[in-house]
Amino acid sequence: MLARLRSEHPTAAVRTGELLTNAGAEERIRLRHSLLPVLAEADLVCWDRERDLVSRGPEFDAALPFLDLIEERESDSTTRNLPA
């Protein structure tokens, strides 16, 4: 979810349903009742519950080093699995 927000314009808001496009009911419930409240409390995201929108929060940039690391590891994993 944070990676998706990172790929959007810094002031863009995304509908929560667009964050987990291939998610099942359990994942959507976990997003709304667990993940989003925690991320909003940490100011990593701004969550407008009434309009069902999520955007970058005031502390979003604090997550960027972790997102870079995840992206780097995913890239390394993909590269290692390519045929020579």
Protein backbone atom coordinates (compact mmCIF):
# COMPACT_ATOMS: atom_id res chain seq x y z
CA MET A 1 0.00 0.00 0.00
CA LEU A 2 2.79 2.44 0.83
CA ALA A 3 4.55 1.53 -2.41
CA ARG A 4 1.37 2.35 -4.31
CA LEU A 5 1.12 5.74 -2.60
CA ARG A 6 4.77 6.33 -3.39
CA SER A 7 4.12 5.79 -7.10
CA GLU A 8 1.34 8.41 -7.07
CA HIS A 9 1.76 12.19 -7.13
CA PRO A 10 2.63 13.31 -3.58
CA THR A 11 -0.72 15.06 -3.14
CA ALA A 12 -2.83 12.35 -4.78
CA ALA A 13 -5.46 10.43 -2.86
CA VAL A 14 -6.30 6.82 -3.69
CA ARG A 15 -9.50 4.95 -2.94
CA THR A 16 -8.85 2.19 -0.41
CA GLY A 17 -10.36 -0.35 -2.80
CA GLU A 18 -7.63 0.47 -5.34
CA LEU A 19 -4.87 -0.33 -2.83
CA LEU A 20 -5.62 -4.04 -2.74
CA THR A 21 -7.03 -4.82 -6.17
CA ASN A 22 -6.49 -8.59 -5.93
CA ALA A 23 -7.27 -8.88 -2.25
CA GLY A 24 -9.81 -11.15 -0.67
CA ALA A 25 -12.36 -10.16 1.94
CA GLU A 26 -10.02 -10.93 4.86
CA GLU A 27 -7.27 -8.68 3.48
CA ARG A 28 -9.72 -5.83 2.87
CA ILE A 29 -11.03 -6.17 6.44
CA ARG A 30 -7.48 -6.19 7.80
CA LEU A 31 -6.68 -3.07 5.74
CA ARG A 32 -9.64 -1.09 7.10
CA HIS A 33 -9.58 -2.30 10.70
CA SER A 34 -5.88 -2.83 11.36
CA LEU A 35 -3.39 -1.48 8.83
CA LEU A 36 -4.93 1.87 7.96
CA PRO A 37 -5.61 2.88 11.56
CA VAL A 38 -2.00 2.07 12.54
CA LEU A 39 -0.50 3.89 9.55
CA ALA A 40 -2.78 6.88 10.12
CA GLU A 41 -1.88 6.99 13.82
CA ALA A 42 1.81 7.07 12.83
CA ASP A 43 1.05 9.89 10.33
CA LEU A 44 2.41 7.78 7.47
CA VAL A 45 -0.94 8.11 5.71
CA CYS A 46 -3.95 10.39 5.89
CA TRP A 47 -7.12 8.33 5.82
CA ASP A 48 -10.43 9.99 5.04
CA ARG A 49 -12.84 7.31 6.22
CA GLU A 50 -15.94 9.15 5.04
CA ARG A 51 -14.71 9.48 1.44
CA ASP A 52 -12.73 6.20 1.61
CA LEU A 53 -9.51 7.89 0.46
CA VAL A 54 -5.88 7.45 1.51
CA SER A 55 -3.01 9.83 0.79
CA ARG A 56 0.53 10.39 2.01
CA GLY A 57 0.73 11.58 5.59
CA PRO A 58 3.10 14.16 7.08
CA GLU A 59 5.57 11.41 8.08
CA PHE A 60 5.38 9.45 4.81
CA ASP A 61 8.98 10.26 3.86
CA ALA A 62 10.17 8.39 6.97
CA ALA A 63 9.05 5.15 5.26
CA LEU A 64 11.00 5.79 2.04
CA PRO A 65 14.24 4.05 3.12
CA PHE A 66 12.25 0.92 3.97
CA LEU A 67 10.37 1.06 0.68
CA ASP A 68 13.70 1.43 -1.15
CA LEU A 69 15.04 -1.64 0.65
CA ILE A 70 11.97 -3.71 -0.20
CA GLU A 71 12.12 -2.62 -3.84
CA GLU A 72 15.84 -3.44 -3.99
CA ARG A 73 15.34 -6.92 -2.53
CA GLU A 74 12.45 -7.66 -4.88
CA SER A 75 14.56 -6.53 -7.81
CA ASP A 76 17.50 -8.70 -6.69
CA SER A 77 15.20 -11.69 -6.26
CA THR A 78 13.74 -11.22 -9.74
CA THR A 79 17.20 -10.81 -11.28
CA ARG A 80 18.48 -14.00 -9.64
CA ASN A 81 15.57 -15.99 -11.04
CA LEU A 82 16.17 -14.92 -14.65
CA PRO A 83 17.74 -17.49 -17.00
CA ALA A 84 21.38 -16.81 -17.87
